[in-house]
């Protein structure tokens, strides 16, 4: 069973991932990886020596083509899953972004993005990402209606 926890802070060196809840003109922004048929929030692995905010900005650009945007940290999250990292708790930072403009083309493993009124049904990480959105909503970063 996958377990997701939330924290206000942890040691920075423990942060391995950044996930960004993204909006554009009041709508959700999600990505579709070339090798999957599901939707996910932009995000990914932190590079060695990279500041976690820079990870978030880089991943947002790479996965959505966002050029101009506001980005704000929300909280720390952790995931513990038996099929991931040998069941060890791994940590990431959750961000919120309001994207203003996009590049015309994507240059990454992402096939396409979608801008939608409603949240997707077919999640890539259904035991994780809806919980991240719910936590962001609880902390005042997303509209109350997230269906």
C-alpha atoms as a PDB file:
ATOM      1  CA  UNK A   1       0.000   0.000   0.000  1.00  0.00           C
ATOM      2  CA  UNK A   2       1.260   3.461  -0.894  1.00  0.00           C
ATOM      3  CA  UNK A   3       1.395   5.983   1.939  1.00  0.00           C
ATOM      4  CA  UNK A   4       1.652   9.756   1.419  1.00  0.00           C
ATOM      5  CA  UNK A   5       2.590  12.102   4.279  1.00  0.00           C
ATOM      6  CA  UNK A   6       2.985  15.859   4.457  1.00  0.00           C
ATOM      7  CA  UNK A   7       5.518  17.983   6.344  1.00  0.00           C
ATOM      8  CA  UNK A   8       6.292  21.650   6.660  1.00  0.00           C
ATOM      9  CA  UNK A   9      10.039  20.995   6.467  1.00  0.00           C
ATOM     10  CA  UNK A  10      12.754  18.340   6.317  1.00  0.00           C
ATOM     11  CA  UNK A  11      16.485  18.536   5.750  1.00  0.00           C
ATOM     12  CA  UNK A  12      16.985  19.893   2.224  1.00  0.00           C
ATOM     13  CA  UNK A  13      19.308  17.029   1.302  1.00  0.00           C
ATOM     14  CA  UNK A  14      16.383  14.599   1.688  1.00  0.00           C
ATOM     15  CA  UNK A  15      14.377  16.225  -1.122  1.00  0.00           C
ATOM     16  CA  UNK A  16      14.628  14.043  -4.234  1.00  0.00           C
ATOM     17  CA  UNK A  17      11.610  15.204  -6.278  1.00  0.00           C
ATOM     18  CA  UNK A  18       9.606  18.281  -7.183  1.00  0.00           C
ATOM     19  CA  UNK A  19       5.949  18.131  -8.211  1.00  0.00           C
ATOM     20  CA  UNK A  20       4.152  21.185  -9.511  1.00  0.00           C
ATOM     21  CA  UNK A  21       0.409  21.701  -9.443  1.00  0.00           C
ATOM     22  CA  UNK A  22      -0.016  23.923 -12.450  1.00  0.00           C
ATOM     23  CA  UNK A  23      -2.820  26.178 -13.625  1.00  0.00           C
ATOM     24  CA  UNK A  24      -3.247  28.369 -16.688  1.00  0.00           C
ATOM     25  CA  UNK A  25      -6.085  30.875 -17.008  1.00  0.00           C
ATOM     26  CA  UNK A  26      -7.899  29.165 -14.134  1.00  0.00           C
ATOM     27  CA  UNK A  27      -7.620  25.666 -15.635  1.00  0.00           C
ATOM     28  CA  UNK A  28      -5.520  22.619 -14.707  1.00  0.00           C
ATOM     29  CA  UNK A  29      -2.366  21.778 -16.660  1.00  0.00           C
ATOM     30  CA  UNK A  30      -1.421  18.088 -16.918  1.00  0.00           C
ATOM     31  CA  UNK A  31       1.132  16.120 -18.929  1.00  0.00           C
ATOM     32  CA  UNK A  32       1.031  12.882 -20.891  1.00  0.00           C
ATOM     33  CA  UNK A  33       4.318  10.965 -21.091  1.00  0.00           C
ATOM     34  CA  UNK A  34       5.127   9.456 -24.519  1.00  0.00           C
ATOM     35  CA  UNK A  35       5.207   5.936 -23.049  1.00  0.00           C
ATOM     36  CA  UNK A  36       1.985   6.143 -21.003  1.00  0.00           C
ATOM     37  CA  UNK A  37      -1.731   6.674 -21.582  1.00  0.00           C
ATOM     38  CA  UNK A  38      -2.313   8.505 -18.317  1.00  0.00           C
ATOM     39  CA  UNK A  39      -2.117  12.067 -16.993  1.00  0.00           C
ATOM     40  CA  UNK A  40       0.238  13.486 -14.407  1.00  0.00           C
ATOM     41  CA  UNK A  41       1.226  16.739 -12.778  1.00  0.00           C
ATOM     42  CA  UNK A  42       4.554  18.112 -14.029  1.00  0.00           C
ATOM     43  CA  UNK A  43       7.528  17.127 -11.898  1.00  0.00           C
ATOM     44  CA  UNK A  44      10.569  14.966 -11.618  1.00  0.00           C
ATOM     45  CA  UNK A  45      13.915  14.108 -10.068  1.00  0.00           C
ATOM     46  CA  UNK A  46      16.290  16.599  -8.551  1.00  0.00           C
ATOM     47  CA  UNK A  47      19.720  16.708 -10.229  1.00  0.00           C
ATOM     48  CA  UNK A  48      22.907  16.525  -8.128  1.00  0.00           C
ATOM     49  CA  UNK A  49      23.677  19.919  -6.612  1.00  0.00           C
ATOM     50  CA  UNK A  50      20.422  21.452  -7.886  1.00  0.00           C
ATOM     51  CA  UNK A  51      18.322  23.689  -5.655  1.00  0.00           C
ATOM     52  CA  UNK A  52      14.840  22.157  -5.286  1.00  0.00           C
ATOM     53  CA  UNK A  53      13.189  25.365  -6.561  1.00  0.00           C
ATOM     54  CA  UNK A  54      15.381  25.161  -9.667  1.00  0.00           C
ATOM     55  CA  UNK A  55      14.294  21.520 -10.053  1.00  0.00           C
ATOM     56  CA  UNK A  56      10.668  22.642 -10.007  1.00  0.00           C
ATOM     57  CA  UNK A  57      11.274  25.414 -12.542  1.00  0.00           C
ATOM     58  CA  UNK A  58      13.258  23.112 -14.841  1.00  0.00           C
ATOM     59  CA  UNK A  59      10.694  20.320 -14.698  1.00  0.00           C
ATOM     60  CA  UNK A  60       7.818  22.745 -15.265  1.00  0.00           C
ATOM     61  CA  UNK A  61       9.561  24.080 -18.368  1.00  0.00           C
ATOM     62  CA  UNK A  62      10.618  20.657 -19.670  1.00  0.00           C
ATOM     63  CA  UNK A  63       7.249  19.006 -19.148  1.00  0.00           C
ATOM     64  CA  UNK A  64       4.839  21.803 -20.062  1.00  0.00           C
ATOM     65  CA  UNK A  65       6.868  24.283 -22.103  1.00  0.00           C
ATOM     66  CA  UNK A  66       6.055  26.992 -19.543  1.00  0.00           C
ATOM     67  CA  UNK A  67       8.109  30.096 -20.295  1.00  0.00           C
ATOM     68  CA  UNK A  68       6.676  32.677 -17.921  1.00  0.00           C
ATOM     69  CA  UNK A  69       5.084  31.636 -14.661  1.00  0.00           C
ATOM     70  CA  UNK A  70       4.782  32.288 -10.949  1.00  0.00           C
ATOM     71  CA  UNK A  71       5.828  29.406  -8.709  1.00  0.00           C
ATOM     72  CA  UNK A  72       5.327  29.026  -4.961  1.00  0.00           C
ATOM     73  CA  UNK A  73       6.359  26.241  -2.583  1.00  0.00           C
ATOM     74  CA  UNK A  74       3.462  24.557  -0.771  1.00  0.00           C
ATOM     75  CA  UNK A  75       4.924  21.864   1.482  1.00  0.00           C
ATOM     76  CA  UNK A  76       7.068  18.759   1.704  1.00  0.00           C
ATOM     77  CA  UNK A  77       5.524  15.400   0.872  1.00  0.00           C
ATOM     78  CA  UNK A  78       6.764  11.861   1.260  1.00  0.00           C
ATOM     79  CA  UNK A  79       5.823   8.612  -0.415  1.00  0.00           C
ATOM     80  CA  UNK A  80       6.348   5.154   1.021  1.00  0.00           C
ATOM     81  CA  UNK A  81       5.484   2.305  -1.335  1.00  0.00           C
ATOM     82  CA  UNK A  82       6.589  -1.322  -1.310  1.00  0.00           C
ATOM     83  CA  UNK A  83       7.397  -1.248  -5.041  1.00  0.00           C
ATOM     84  CA  UNK A  84       9.369   2.015  -4.906  1.00  0.00           C
ATOM     85  CA  UNK A  85      12.877   2.602  -3.466  1.00  0.00           C
ATOM     86  CA  UNK A  86      12.746  -0.729  -1.574  1.00  0.00           C
ATOM     87  CA  UNK A  87       9.842   0.563   0.510  1.00  0.00           C
ATOM     88  CA  UNK A  88      11.879   3.482   1.881  1.00  0.00           C
ATOM     89  CA  UNK A  89      10.177   6.803   2.560  1.00  0.00           C
ATOM     90  CA  UNK A  90      11.230   9.290  -0.150  1.00  0.00           C
ATOM     91  CA  UNK A  91      10.714  13.039   0.032  1.00  0.00           C
ATOM     92  CA  UNK A  92       9.797  15.741  -2.434  1.00  0.00           C
ATOM     93  CA  UNK A  93       8.634  19.334  -2.454  1.00  0.00           C
ATOM     94  CA  UNK A  94       5.214  20.301  -3.731  1.00  0.00           C
ATOM     95  CA  UNK A  95       4.817  23.590  -5.606  1.00  0.00           C
ATOM     96  CA  UNK A  96       1.979  25.587  -7.132  1.00  0.00           C
ATOM     97  CA  UNK A  97       2.438  27.425 -10.417  1.00  0.00           C
ATOM     98  CA  UNK A  98       0.341  29.838 -12.400  1.00  0.00           C
ATOM     99  CA  UNK A  99       1.618  29.562 -15.972  1.00  0.00           C
ATOM    100  CA  UNK A 100       1.317  32.683 -18.128  1.00  0.00           C
ATOM    101  CA  UNK A 101       2.900  31.621 -21.435  1.00  0.00           C
ATOM    102  CA  UNK A 102       4.070  28.399 -23.116  1.00  0.00           C
ATOM    103  CA  UNK A 103       6.555  27.496 -25.835  1.00  0.00           C
ATOM    104  CA  UNK A 104       4.950  26.241 -29.016  1.00  0.00           C
ATOM    105  CA  UNK A 105       6.678  22.820 -28.864  1.00  0.00           C
ATOM    106  CA  UNK A 106       7.713  20.401 -26.117  1.00  0.00           C
ATOM    107  CA  UNK A 107      11.295  19.142 -26.086  1.00  0.00           C
ATOM    108  CA  UNK A 108      11.165  16.244 -23.613  1.00  0.00           C
ATOM    109  CA  UNK A 109       9.705  12.833 -22.923  1.00  0.00           C
ATOM    110  CA  UNK A 110       6.280  14.456 -22.639  1.00  0.00           C
ATOM    111  CA  UNK A 111       4.054  13.821 -25.649  1.00  0.00           C
ATOM    112  CA  UNK A 112       1.546  16.556 -24.915  1.00  0.00           C
ATOM    113  CA  UNK A 113      -0.031  18.714 -22.280  1.00  0.00           C
ATOM    114  CA  UNK A 114      -3.687  19.307 -21.692  1.00  0.00           C
ATOM    115  CA  UNK A 115      -5.391  22.303 -20.158  1.00  0.00           C
ATOM    116  CA  UNK A 116      -8.676  21.219 -18.595  1.00  0.00           C
ATOM    117  CA  UNK A 117     -11.503  22.447 -16.399  1.00  0.00           C
ATOM    118  CA  UNK A 118     -11.790  19.205 -14.431  1.00  0.00           C
ATOM    119  CA  UNK A 119      -9.186  16.920 -12.897  1.00  0.00           C
ATOM    120  CA  UNK A 120      -8.265  13.824 -14.898  1.00  0.00           C
ATOM    121  CA  UNK A 121      -9.717  10.419 -14.120  1.00  0.00           C
ATOM    122  CA  UNK A 122      -6.852   8.406 -15.605  1.00  0.00           C
ATOM    123  CA  UNK A 123      -3.904   9.343 -13.330  1.00  0.00           C
ATOM    124  CA  UNK A 124      -0.359   7.997 -13.802  1.00  0.00           C
ATOM    125  CA  UNK A 125       0.065   7.922 -10.009  1.00  0.00           C
ATOM    126  CA  UNK A 126      -3.497   7.518  -8.677  1.00  0.00           C
ATOM    127  CA  UNK A 127      -2.396   6.740  -5.117  1.00  0.00           C
ATOM    128  CA  UNK A 128      -0.202   9.856  -4.925  1.00  0.00           C
ATOM    129  CA  UNK A 129      -1.120  12.815  -7.113  1.00  0.00           C
ATOM    130  CA  UNK A 130      -4.782  13.256  -6.089  1.00  0.00           C
ATOM    131  CA  UNK A 131      -3.536  13.399  -2.463  1.00  0.00           C
ATOM    132  CA  UNK A 132      -1.025  16.089  -3.406  1.00  0.00           C
ATOM    133  CA  UNK A 133      -3.788  18.170  -4.980  1.00  0.00           C
ATOM    134  CA  UNK A 134      -6.020  17.695  -1.954  1.00  0.00           C
ATOM    135  CA  UNK A 135      -3.240  18.853   0.382  1.00  0.00           C
ATOM    136  CA  UNK A 136      -2.597  21.895  -1.808  1.00  0.00           C
ATOM    137  CA  UNK A 137      -6.315  22.682  -1.667  1.00  0.00           C
ATOM    138  CA  UNK A 138      -6.312  22.368   2.138  1.00  0.00           C
ATOM    139  CA  UNK A 139      -3.430  24.823   2.269  1.00  0.00           C
ATOM    140  CA  UNK A 140      -5.274  27.331   0.067  1.00  0.00           C
ATOM    141  CA  UNK A 141      -3.417  26.823  -3.228  1.00  0.00           C
ATOM    142  CA  UNK A 142      -6.191  25.348  -5.363  1.00  0.00           C
ATOM    143  CA  UNK A 143      -9.855  26.009  -5.907  1.00  0.00           C
ATOM    144  CA  UNK A 144     -12.124  24.250  -3.431  1.00  0.00           C
ATOM    145  CA  UNK A 145     -13.818  22.330  -6.232  1.00  0.00           C
ATOM    146  CA  UNK A 146     -11.206  19.863  -7.518  1.00  0.00           C
ATOM    147  CA  UNK A 147     -13.344  17.247  -9.264  1.00  0.00           C
END
